[in-house]
Structure formats: structure tokens, C-alpha cells
């Protein structure tokens, strides 16, 4: 939230009231939306006596007018491909094994750092959480200075209580789109505007968010009558712990069938 930001003129909800709502039940509703539309993707080696997770990222789940698709960052897919070439690995979405991910690939853009793959109803039902793919189609970029929310699964918040078992902590943020360009969206942490809430632990300074790549960046929009609705805007590509910012690639390059078209 940059210092240039200000609330919309003559809006019926004041900035103080908005903070109160986000610190309470409304913030919980927003986090539930994020929780339902993304899952951790991770893989571990099957060649070692004590297999451990090699890498993890995040997958955003979408339901377009044509199909259900999973979206992640292209560099997450590349990392999996490299590990897959070197050793035998098992890939999972949450607790569901998906060993044929490469066969499910629909499209991949290194330039945009976005990869899409086919997801079927069986996987959705077996993932083991209250999954609700984003359905408000098509994606729409945010307005600079307006509300967004984003999520992903940082590797540093991963907990492995026993062999081949992992629990992931979901990072969520409600903020303001700092810069929107032709291909990407930038969000930056501004300590001045952080909202105190007993429901969510505050984000430590310079927290390592590696692992949230592939997560959703969702924007909030309003009708002239102040009716709010949300749409997917981007897929997270980078998280810089020193600059405390996140860069997402615009999702409006993704077509109904999961293919990616550069504009």
C-alpha cells in the first residue's frame, strides 16, 4: 500500500470502518476465498531411504466456461522437470498424488512465467480440502491503488511431522495494487498501513515467501451502486524478501481452454 494511496472520494465506507471490517469477519471471508482456490504443489524423491520434499510451489484452481484448469508459475514447472529428470519423484497437489502432471500440461509461457494444466473432478474431490475453483471469468487486471488479495504456500512455513507427510501454512495478504503494467502487477508491503488483528499473526519483516509462486492475485471491483465482486487478476511469479514486494503476471492472457495468448 503506497503512500500515494487514498480511499475513493465520497465512498460510504470510511477507511477506519474498512480496517475494522478487514480485522474481523470480512477478513475471514476473504481468506476463505483464497484458501479454497489454491493448493500446494510439491514433490519428493523416491530414491532415498529417507525421502524428503525437494521443492514446493502453489497451484491456482480455475473453472472456465470450458474446463477446470490448474495454473502455476512456469519456473515451478521447470524445477519439477529438472528434478524429474535426475531422479524418481512423486508429485502431489495437497494430499493427492498426480504423477502424470506433464501429460496434463495444456500450455506454458516462459515469458509470462505461467503454466496451465488439466484438472479433473476426481482430483478436485480427492484433494482433501474445501476446494472452490475461481469461476468469475474472464480474469481482469486491477486498478492501480485499488484492493487486491493474494495467497500461496511458503516453503519456510511447511511442517513435516513424519515421513511423507507435510502440512502447509497458507500466506494471505489483503492490500492495494501498487503498479499495473501490460504484463504484471506489483504489490508491496507498507508497514504504515498494516492492520492489527487477533485472528492472524503479523508478517515478520523480510519474511521468506519462496513457495508462493503460482498462487492467485485476486482483485476487488465495485459497481456504481457499491456492490463488490472479485475476479482473478494475476498469478504470482516473484516474492522479494528484501524489497518486501510481490510480482504477479497478469492472468488475462489465459484463455477459456487453458491456452495462453500473448497480446
C-alpha atoms as a PDB file:
ATOM      1  CA  UNK A   1       0.000   0.000   0.000  1.00  0.00           C
ATOM      2  CA  UNK A   2       1.938   3.012  -1.213  1.00  0.00           C
ATOM      3  CA  UNK A   3       1.760   6.408   0.498  1.00  0.00           C
ATOM      4  CA  UNK A   4       0.091   7.862  -2.572  1.00  0.00           C
ATOM      5  CA  UNK A   5      -2.977   5.768  -1.910  1.00  0.00           C
ATOM      6  CA  UNK A   6      -6.237   7.287  -0.709  1.00  0.00           C
ATOM      7  CA  UNK A   7      -9.778   5.926  -0.340  1.00  0.00           C
ATOM      8  CA  UNK A   8     -12.338   6.622  -3.082  1.00  0.00           C
ATOM      9  CA  UNK A   9     -13.966  10.033  -2.713  1.00  0.00           C
ATOM     10  CA  UNK A  10     -17.407  10.027  -1.037  1.00  0.00           C
ATOM     11  CA  UNK A  11     -17.388   6.268  -0.509  1.00  0.00           C
ATOM     12  CA  UNK A  12     -19.990   5.158   2.085  1.00  0.00           C
ATOM     13  CA  UNK A  13     -17.401   3.065   3.968  1.00  0.00           C
ATOM     14  CA  UNK A  14     -14.695   5.112   5.674  1.00  0.00           C
ATOM     15  CA  UNK A  15     -11.082   3.972   5.835  1.00  0.00           C
ATOM     16  CA  UNK A  16     -11.482   3.419   9.582  1.00  0.00           C
ATOM     17  CA  UNK A  17     -14.561   1.242   9.054  1.00  0.00           C
ATOM     18  CA  UNK A  18     -12.807  -0.712   6.298  1.00  0.00           C
ATOM     19  CA  UNK A  19      -9.920  -1.513   8.657  1.00  0.00           C
ATOM     20  CA  UNK A  20     -12.384  -2.662  11.301  1.00  0.00           C
ATOM     21  CA  UNK A  21     -14.169  -4.954   8.847  1.00  0.00           C
ATOM     22  CA  UNK A  22     -10.950  -6.462   7.494  1.00  0.00           C
ATOM     23  CA  UNK A  23      -9.691  -7.145  11.008  1.00  0.00           C
ATOM     24  CA  UNK A  24     -12.900  -9.063  11.739  1.00  0.00           C
ATOM     25  CA  UNK A  25     -15.319 -11.379   9.941  1.00  0.00           C
ATOM     26  CA  UNK A  26     -14.883  -9.830   6.495  1.00  0.00           C
ATOM     27  CA  UNK A  27     -11.170 -10.604   6.575  1.00  0.00           C
ATOM     28  CA  UNK A  28     -12.035 -14.212   7.433  1.00  0.00           C
ATOM     29  CA  UNK A  29     -14.349 -14.409   4.404  1.00  0.00           C
ATOM     30  CA  UNK A  30     -11.615 -13.073   2.124  1.00  0.00           C
ATOM     31  CA  UNK A  31      -9.094 -15.591   3.474  1.00  0.00           C
ATOM     32  CA  UNK A  32     -11.584 -18.425   2.952  1.00  0.00           C
ATOM     33  CA  UNK A  33     -11.914 -17.453  -0.710  1.00  0.00           C
ATOM     34  CA  UNK A  34      -8.128 -17.635  -1.052  1.00  0.00           C
ATOM     35  CA  UNK A  35      -7.930 -20.926   0.847  1.00  0.00           C
ATOM     36  CA  UNK A  36     -10.462 -22.545  -1.464  1.00  0.00           C
ATOM     37  CA  UNK A  37      -8.866 -21.637  -4.791  1.00  0.00           C
ATOM     38  CA  UNK A  38      -5.222 -22.634  -4.280  1.00  0.00           C
ATOM     39  CA  UNK A  39      -3.324 -25.722  -3.155  1.00  0.00           C
ATOM     40  CA  UNK A  40       0.333 -26.553  -2.530  1.00  0.00           C
ATOM     41  CA  UNK A  41       2.215 -28.450  -5.225  1.00  0.00           C
ATOM     42  CA  UNK A  42       5.252 -30.374  -4.023  1.00  0.00           C
ATOM     43  CA  UNK A  43       7.340 -33.409  -4.862  1.00  0.00           C
ATOM     44  CA  UNK A  44       9.753 -35.700  -3.072  1.00  0.00           C
ATOM     45  CA  UNK A  45      12.389 -38.203  -4.095  1.00  0.00           C
ATOM     46  CA  UNK A  46      11.537 -41.893  -4.137  1.00  0.00           C
ATOM     47  CA  UNK A  47      15.183 -42.960  -4.494  1.00  0.00           C
ATOM     48  CA  UNK A  48      16.345 -42.164  -0.982  1.00  0.00           C
ATOM     49  CA  UNK A  49      15.935 -44.176   2.182  1.00  0.00           C
ATOM     50  CA  UNK A  50      14.568 -41.097   3.910  1.00  0.00           C
ATOM     51  CA  UNK A  51      12.593 -39.242   1.248  1.00  0.00           C
ATOM     52  CA  UNK A  52      12.157 -35.546   1.824  1.00  0.00           C
ATOM     53  CA  UNK A  53      10.354 -32.833  -0.065  1.00  0.00           C
ATOM     54  CA  UNK A  54      12.601 -31.407  -2.771  1.00  0.00           C
ATOM     55  CA  UNK A  55      10.632 -28.282  -3.682  1.00  0.00           C
ATOM     56  CA  UNK A  56       7.170 -26.805  -3.421  1.00  0.00           C
ATOM     57  CA  UNK A  57       5.071 -24.101  -5.046  1.00  0.00           C
ATOM     58  CA  UNK A  58       1.420 -23.147  -5.351  1.00  0.00           C
ATOM     59  CA  UNK A  59      -1.326 -24.013  -7.851  1.00  0.00           C
ATOM     60  CA  UNK A  60      -4.327 -21.763  -8.501  1.00  0.00           C
ATOM     61  CA  UNK A  61      -7.521 -23.578  -9.466  1.00  0.00           C
ATOM     62  CA  UNK A  62      -9.828 -22.067 -12.118  1.00  0.00           C
ATOM     63  CA  UNK A  63     -13.114 -23.161 -13.622  1.00  0.00           C
ATOM     64  CA  UNK A  64     -13.591 -21.544 -17.015  1.00  0.00           C
ATOM     65  CA  UNK A  65     -16.677 -21.900 -19.224  1.00  0.00           C
ATOM     66  CA  UNK A  66     -14.860 -24.845 -20.875  1.00  0.00           C
ATOM     67  CA  UNK A  67     -12.950 -26.758 -18.204  1.00  0.00           C
ATOM     68  CA  UNK A  68     -11.200 -26.860 -14.839  1.00  0.00           C
ATOM     69  CA  UNK A  69      -7.531 -25.939 -15.034  1.00  0.00           C
ATOM     70  CA  UNK A  70      -4.629 -25.606 -12.650  1.00  0.00           C
ATOM     71  CA  UNK A  71      -2.206 -22.712 -13.045  1.00  0.00           C
ATOM     72  CA  UNK A  72       1.250 -22.305 -11.597  1.00  0.00           C
ATOM     73  CA  UNK A  73       4.396 -20.367 -12.368  1.00  0.00           C
ATOM     74  CA  UNK A  74       6.397 -21.688 -15.303  1.00  0.00           C
ATOM     75  CA  UNK A  75       9.568 -21.752 -13.194  1.00  0.00           C
ATOM     76  CA  UNK A  76       7.847 -24.105 -10.713  1.00  0.00           C
ATOM     77  CA  UNK A  77       7.126 -26.499 -13.576  1.00  0.00           C
ATOM     78  CA  UNK A  78      10.727 -26.177 -14.805  1.00  0.00           C
ATOM     79  CA  UNK A  79      12.017 -27.040 -11.338  1.00  0.00           C
ATOM     80  CA  UNK A  80       9.856 -30.161 -11.278  1.00  0.00           C
ATOM     81  CA  UNK A  81      11.031 -31.180 -14.753  1.00  0.00           C
ATOM     82  CA  UNK A  82      14.681 -30.896 -13.708  1.00  0.00           C
ATOM     83  CA  UNK A  83      14.178 -32.965 -10.551  1.00  0.00           C
ATOM     84  CA  UNK A  84      12.112 -35.496 -12.507  1.00  0.00           C
ATOM     85  CA  UNK A  85      14.953 -35.990 -14.992  1.00  0.00           C
ATOM     86  CA  UNK A  86      17.548 -36.599 -12.295  1.00  0.00           C
ATOM     87  CA  UNK A  87      15.614 -38.998 -10.067  1.00  0.00           C
ATOM     88  CA  UNK A  88      12.342 -40.741  -9.494  1.00  0.00           C
ATOM     89  CA  UNK A  89       9.924 -38.384  -7.759  1.00  0.00           C
ATOM     90  CA  UNK A  90       6.345 -38.352  -6.527  1.00  0.00           C
ATOM     91  CA  UNK A  91       4.347 -35.164  -7.177  1.00  0.00           C
ATOM     92  CA  UNK A  92       1.348 -34.151  -5.115  1.00  0.00           C
ATOM     93  CA  UNK A  93      -1.339 -31.481  -5.069  1.00  0.00           C
ATOM     94  CA  UNK A  94      -2.099 -31.208  -1.368  1.00  0.00           C
ATOM     95  CA  UNK A  95      -2.532 -34.896  -0.447  1.00  0.00           C
ATOM     96  CA  UNK A  96      -3.410 -36.161  -3.943  1.00  0.00           C
ATOM     97  CA  UNK A  97      -0.683 -37.868  -5.989  1.00  0.00           C
ATOM     98  CA  UNK A  98      -0.551 -36.578  -9.594  1.00  0.00           C
ATOM     99  CA  UNK A  99       2.290 -38.428 -11.300  1.00  0.00           C
ATOM    100  CA  UNK A 100       1.101 -37.534 -14.829  1.00  0.00           C
ATOM    101  CA  UNK A 101       1.325 -33.760 -14.446  1.00  0.00           C
ATOM    102  CA  UNK A 102       3.475 -33.352 -17.575  1.00  0.00           C
ATOM    103  CA  UNK A 103       0.889 -35.287 -19.607  1.00  0.00           C
ATOM    104  CA  UNK A 104      -1.763 -32.900 -18.311  1.00  0.00           C
ATOM    105  CA  UNK A 105       0.129 -29.794 -19.449  1.00  0.00           C
ATOM    106  CA  UNK A 106      -2.028 -27.501 -21.604  1.00  0.00           C
ATOM    107  CA  UNK A 107       0.290 -24.564 -22.216  1.00  0.00           C
ATOM    108  CA  UNK A 108       3.434 -22.941 -20.874  1.00  0.00           C
ATOM    109  CA  UNK A 109       4.832 -19.430 -21.361  1.00  0.00           C
ATOM    110  CA  UNK A 110       8.361 -18.753 -20.150  1.00  0.00           C
ATOM    111  CA  UNK A 111       7.928 -15.075 -20.988  1.00  0.00           C
ATOM    112  CA  UNK A 112       4.886 -14.701 -18.734  1.00  0.00           C
ATOM    113  CA  UNK A 113       6.067 -17.336 -16.224  1.00  0.00           C
ATOM    114  CA  UNK A 114       2.668 -19.071 -16.407  1.00  0.00           C
ATOM    115  CA  UNK A 115       1.908 -22.772 -16.976  1.00  0.00           C
ATOM    116  CA  UNK A 116      -1.554 -24.368 -17.225  1.00  0.00           C
ATOM    117  CA  UNK A 117      -2.626 -27.981 -16.933  1.00  0.00           C
ATOM    118  CA  UNK A 118      -5.802 -30.041 -16.945  1.00  0.00           C
ATOM    119  CA  UNK A 119      -7.547 -30.823 -13.658  1.00  0.00           C
ATOM    120  CA  UNK A 120     -10.448 -33.280 -13.458  1.00  0.00           C
ATOM    121  CA  UNK A 121     -13.265 -33.633 -10.932  1.00  0.00           C
ATOM    122  CA  UNK A 122     -11.622 -36.699  -9.360  1.00  0.00           C
ATOM    123  CA  UNK A 123      -8.573 -34.682  -8.363  1.00  0.00           C
ATOM    124  CA  UNK A 124     -10.747 -31.864  -7.021  1.00  0.00           C
ATOM    125  CA  UNK A 125     -12.756 -34.288  -4.871  1.00  0.00           C
ATOM    126  CA  UNK A 126      -9.632 -36.089  -3.611  1.00  0.00           C
ATOM    127  CA  UNK A 127      -7.541 -33.066  -2.696  1.00  0.00           C
ATOM    128  CA  UNK A 128      -8.921 -33.151   0.814  1.00  0.00           C
ATOM    129  CA  UNK A 129      -9.953 -29.568   1.452  1.00  0.00           C
ATOM    130  CA  UNK A 130     -12.911 -27.344   0.732  1.00  0.00           C
ATOM    131  CA  UNK A 131     -11.854 -26.573  -2.827  1.00  0.00           C
ATOM    132  CA  UNK A 132     -13.725 -23.921  -4.773  1.00  0.00           C
ATOM    133  CA  UNK A 133     -12.043 -23.014  -8.086  1.00  0.00           C
ATOM    134  CA  UNK A 134     -12.375 -19.394  -9.197  1.00  0.00           C
ATOM    135  CA  UNK A 135     -15.338 -19.164 -11.601  1.00  0.00           C
ATOM    136  CA  UNK A 136     -15.876 -15.457 -12.286  1.00  0.00           C
ATOM    137  CA  UNK A 137     -14.480 -15.443 -15.821  1.00  0.00           C
ATOM    138  CA  UNK A 138     -12.591 -13.921 -17.591  1.00  0.00           C
ATOM    139  CA  UNK A 139      -9.689 -12.598 -15.500  1.00  0.00           C
ATOM    140  CA  UNK A 140      -9.448  -8.832 -15.179  1.00  0.00           C
ATOM    141  CA  UNK A 141      -6.439  -6.699 -14.214  1.00  0.00           C
ATOM    142  CA  UNK A 142      -6.797  -4.491 -11.138  1.00  0.00           C
ATOM    143  CA  UNK A 143      -6.865  -0.729 -10.998  1.00  0.00           C
ATOM    144  CA  UNK A 144      -3.776   0.845  -9.512  1.00  0.00           C
ATOM    145  CA  UNK A 145      -4.458   1.896  -5.945  1.00  0.00           C
ATOM    146  CA  UNK A 146      -7.449  -0.444  -5.542  1.00  0.00           C
ATOM    147  CA  UNK A 147      -7.941  -3.557  -3.439  1.00  0.00           C
ATOM    148  CA  UNK A 148      -6.335  -6.921  -4.123  1.00  0.00           C
ATOM    149  CA  UNK A 149      -5.735 -10.113  -2.154  1.00  0.00           C
ATOM    150  CA  UNK A 150      -3.146 -12.817  -2.719  1.00  0.00           C
ATOM    151  CA  UNK A 151      -2.072 -16.161  -1.302  1.00  0.00           C
ATOM    152  CA  UNK A 152       0.429 -19.005  -1.541  1.00  0.00           C
ATOM    153  CA  UNK A 153       2.309 -21.642   0.415  1.00  0.00           C
ATOM    154  CA  UNK A 154       5.787 -20.511   1.573  1.00  0.00           C
ATOM    155  CA  UNK A 155       8.345 -23.304   1.922  1.00  0.00           C
ATOM    156  CA  UNK A 156       9.599 -21.890   5.221  1.00  0.00           C
ATOM    157  CA  UNK A 157       6.144 -22.381   6.773  1.00  0.00           C
ATOM    158  CA  UNK A 158       5.995 -26.032   5.750  1.00  0.00           C
ATOM    159  CA  UNK A 159       5.899 -28.595   8.577  1.00  0.00           C
ATOM    160  CA  UNK A 160       6.765 -32.271   8.108  1.00  0.00           C
ATOM    161  CA  UNK A 161       5.592 -34.155  11.228  1.00  0.00           C
ATOM    162  CA  UNK A 162       6.610 -37.539   9.807  1.00  0.00           C
ATOM    163  CA  UNK A 163       7.974 -39.187   6.678  1.00  0.00           C
ATOM    164  CA  UNK A 164       5.988 -38.401   3.511  1.00  0.00           C
ATOM    165  CA  UNK A 165       3.597 -36.160   5.427  1.00  0.00           C
ATOM    166  CA  UNK A 166       3.522 -32.377   5.088  1.00  0.00           C
ATOM    167  CA  UNK A 167       1.394 -29.587   6.468  1.00  0.00           C
ATOM    168  CA  UNK A 168       1.475 -26.205   4.756  1.00  0.00           C
ATOM    169  CA  UNK A 169       0.759 -22.795   6.214  1.00  0.00           C
ATOM    170  CA  UNK A 170      -1.140 -20.528   3.834  1.00  0.00           C
ATOM    171  CA  UNK A 171       0.184 -16.983   3.445  1.00  0.00           C
ATOM    172  CA  UNK A 172      -2.555 -14.466   2.681  1.00  0.00           C
ATOM    173  CA  UNK A 173      -2.440 -10.713   2.186  1.00  0.00           C
ATOM    174  CA  UNK A 174      -5.085  -8.057   1.619  1.00  0.00           C
ATOM    175  CA  UNK A 175      -3.632  -4.933   0.075  1.00  0.00           C
ATOM    176  CA  UNK A 176      -3.507  -2.434  -2.752  1.00  0.00           C
ATOM    177  CA  UNK A 177      -2.188  -2.869  -6.302  1.00  0.00           C
ATOM    178  CA  UNK A 178       0.948  -0.714  -6.433  1.00  0.00           C
ATOM    179  CA  UNK A 179       1.776  -0.813 -10.182  1.00  0.00           C
ATOM    180  CA  UNK A 180      -0.126  -2.462 -13.048  1.00  0.00           C
ATOM    181  CA  UNK A 181       1.717  -2.819 -16.379  1.00  0.00           C
ATOM    182  CA  UNK A 182       0.927  -4.596 -19.637  1.00  0.00           C
ATOM    183  CA  UNK A 183       2.124  -7.939 -18.271  1.00  0.00           C
ATOM    184  CA  UNK A 184       2.440  -7.750 -14.482  1.00  0.00           C
ATOM    185  CA  UNK A 185       1.086  -6.452 -11.186  1.00  0.00           C
ATOM    186  CA  UNK A 186       3.184  -5.351  -8.209  1.00  0.00           C
ATOM    187  CA  UNK A 187       2.163  -5.369  -4.553  1.00  0.00           C
ATOM    188  CA  UNK A 188       4.408  -4.063  -1.803  1.00  0.00           C
ATOM    189  CA  UNK A 189       4.175  -4.354   1.967  1.00  0.00           C
ATOM    190  CA  UNK A 190       3.798  -0.986   3.645  1.00  0.00           C
ATOM    191  CA  UNK A 191       4.238  -1.289   7.394  1.00  0.00           C
ATOM    192  CA  UNK A 192       2.396   2.012   7.915  1.00  0.00           C
ATOM    193  CA  UNK A 193      -0.876   0.521   6.677  1.00  0.00           C
ATOM    194  CA  UNK A 194      -0.723  -2.921   8.303  1.00  0.00           C
ATOM    195  CA  UNK A 195      -3.945  -3.834  10.120  1.00  0.00           C
ATOM    196  CA  UNK A 196      -3.698  -5.347  13.586  1.00  0.00           C
ATOM    197  CA  UNK A 197      -5.841  -8.470  14.051  1.00  0.00           C
ATOM    198  CA  UNK A 198      -6.000 -11.121  16.746  1.00  0.00           C
ATOM    199  CA  UNK A 199      -7.062 -13.665  14.111  1.00  0.00           C
ATOM    200  CA  UNK A 200      -3.870 -13.577  12.034  1.00  0.00           C
ATOM    201  CA  UNK A 201      -0.250 -13.358  13.142  1.00  0.00           C
ATOM    202  CA  UNK A 202       1.574 -10.284  11.780  1.00  0.00           C
ATOM    203  CA  UNK A 203       4.012 -10.875   8.938  1.00  0.00           C
ATOM    204  CA  UNK A 204       7.616 -10.685  10.218  1.00  0.00           C
ATOM    205  CA  UNK A 205       9.867  -8.211   8.375  1.00  0.00           C
ATOM    206  CA  UNK A 206      11.705  -9.712   5.364  1.00  0.00           C
ATOM    207  CA  UNK A 207       9.752 -12.960   5.647  1.00  0.00           C
ATOM    208  CA  UNK A 208      10.824 -15.535   3.048  1.00  0.00           C
ATOM    209  CA  UNK A 209       7.811 -16.079   0.785  1.00  0.00           C
ATOM    210  CA  UNK A 210       9.560 -18.539  -1.551  1.00  0.00           C
ATOM    211  CA  UNK A 211       6.936 -21.136  -2.470  1.00  0.00           C
ATOM    212  CA  UNK A 212       4.007 -18.785  -3.122  1.00  0.00           C
ATOM    213  CA  UNK A 213       4.812 -18.724  -6.859  1.00  0.00           C
ATOM    214  CA  UNK A 214       1.750 -19.910  -8.753  1.00  0.00           C
ATOM    215  CA  UNK A 215      -0.657 -18.511  -6.175  1.00  0.00           C
ATOM    216  CA  UNK A 216      -3.561 -16.222  -7.037  1.00  0.00           C
ATOM    217  CA  UNK A 217      -3.708 -12.448  -7.026  1.00  0.00           C
ATOM    218  CA  UNK A 218      -7.394 -11.541  -6.901  1.00  0.00           C
ATOM    219  CA  UNK A 219      -8.832  -8.054  -7.370  1.00  0.00           C
ATOM    220  CA  UNK A 220     -11.921  -6.449  -5.925  1.00  0.00           C
ATOM    221  CA  UNK A 221     -14.201  -4.323  -8.099  1.00  0.00           C
ATOM    222  CA  UNK A 222     -17.321  -2.263  -7.407  1.00  0.00           C
ATOM    223  CA  UNK A 223     -20.404  -1.415  -9.388  1.00  0.00           C
ATOM    224  CA  UNK A 224     -21.670   2.199  -9.372  1.00  0.00           C
ATOM    225  CA  UNK A 225     -24.057   1.096  -6.600  1.00  0.00           C
ATOM    226  CA  UNK A 226     -21.124  -0.106  -4.435  1.00  0.00           C
ATOM    227  CA  UNK A 227     -21.769  -3.832  -4.971  1.00  0.00           C
ATOM    228  CA  UNK A 228     -18.427  -5.613  -4.635  1.00  0.00           C
ATOM    229  CA  UNK A 229     -17.261  -8.586  -6.690  1.00  0.00           C
ATOM    230  CA  UNK A 230     -13.903 -10.256  -7.241  1.00  0.00           C
ATOM    231  CA  UNK A 231     -12.001 -11.709 -10.187  1.00  0.00           C
ATOM    232  CA  UNK A 232      -8.652 -13.378 -10.730  1.00  0.00           C
ATOM    233  CA  UNK A 233      -6.111 -10.819 -11.907  1.00  0.00           C
ATOM    234  CA  UNK A 234      -2.710 -12.475 -11.738  1.00  0.00           C
ATOM    235  CA  UNK A 235      -0.551 -15.493 -10.977  1.00  0.00           C
ATOM    236  CA  UNK A 236       2.278 -14.848  -8.523  1.00  0.00           C
ATOM    237  CA  UNK A 237       5.722 -15.063 -10.107  1.00  0.00           C
ATOM    238  CA  UNK A 238       8.203 -13.467  -7.663  1.00  0.00           C
ATOM    239  CA  UNK A 239       8.435 -12.593  -3.980  1.00  0.00           C
ATOM    240  CA  UNK A 240      11.383 -10.423  -2.964  1.00  0.00           C
ATOM    241  CA  UNK A 241      12.053 -10.630   0.782  1.00  0.00           C
ATOM    242  CA  UNK A 242      14.467  -7.658   0.786  1.00  0.00           C
ATOM    243  CA  UNK A 243      12.175  -5.274  -1.084  1.00  0.00           C
ATOM    244  CA  UNK A 244       9.123  -6.864   0.575  1.00  0.00           C
ATOM    245  CA  UNK A 245       7.179  -6.925  -2.643  1.00  0.00           C
ATOM    246  CA  UNK A 246       5.368  -9.498  -4.774  1.00  0.00           C
ATOM    247  CA  UNK A 247       5.100  -9.546  -8.562  1.00  0.00           C
ATOM    248  CA  UNK A 248       2.277 -11.378 -10.321  1.00  0.00           C
ATOM    249  CA  UNK A 249       1.856 -11.990 -14.030  1.00  0.00           C
ATOM    250  CA  UNK A 250      -1.457 -10.880 -15.471  1.00  0.00           C
ATOM    251  CA  UNK A 251      -3.927 -13.754 -15.823  1.00  0.00           C
ATOM    252  CA  UNK A 252      -5.963 -12.247 -18.647  1.00  0.00           C
ATOM    253  CA  UNK A 253      -3.532 -13.946 -21.063  1.00  0.00           C
ATOM    254  CA  UNK A 254      -5.184 -17.281 -20.144  1.00  0.00           C
ATOM    255  CA  UNK A 255      -7.974 -18.409 -22.481  1.00  0.00           C
ATOM    256  CA  UNK A 256     -11.090 -20.452 -21.655  1.00  0.00           C
ATOM    257  CA  UNK A 257      -9.429 -23.663 -22.836  1.00  0.00           C
ATOM    258  CA  UNK A 258      -6.281 -23.064 -20.762  1.00  0.00           C
ATOM    259  CA  UNK A 259      -4.084 -21.961 -23.655  1.00  0.00           C
ATOM    260  CA  UNK A 260      -2.039 -18.788 -23.224  1.00  0.00           C
ATOM    261  CA  UNK A 261      -2.149 -15.989 -25.805  1.00  0.00           C
ATOM    262  CA  UNK A 262       0.417 -13.194 -25.760  1.00  0.00           C
ATOM    263  CA  UNK A 263      -1.089  -9.822 -26.608  1.00  0.00           C
END
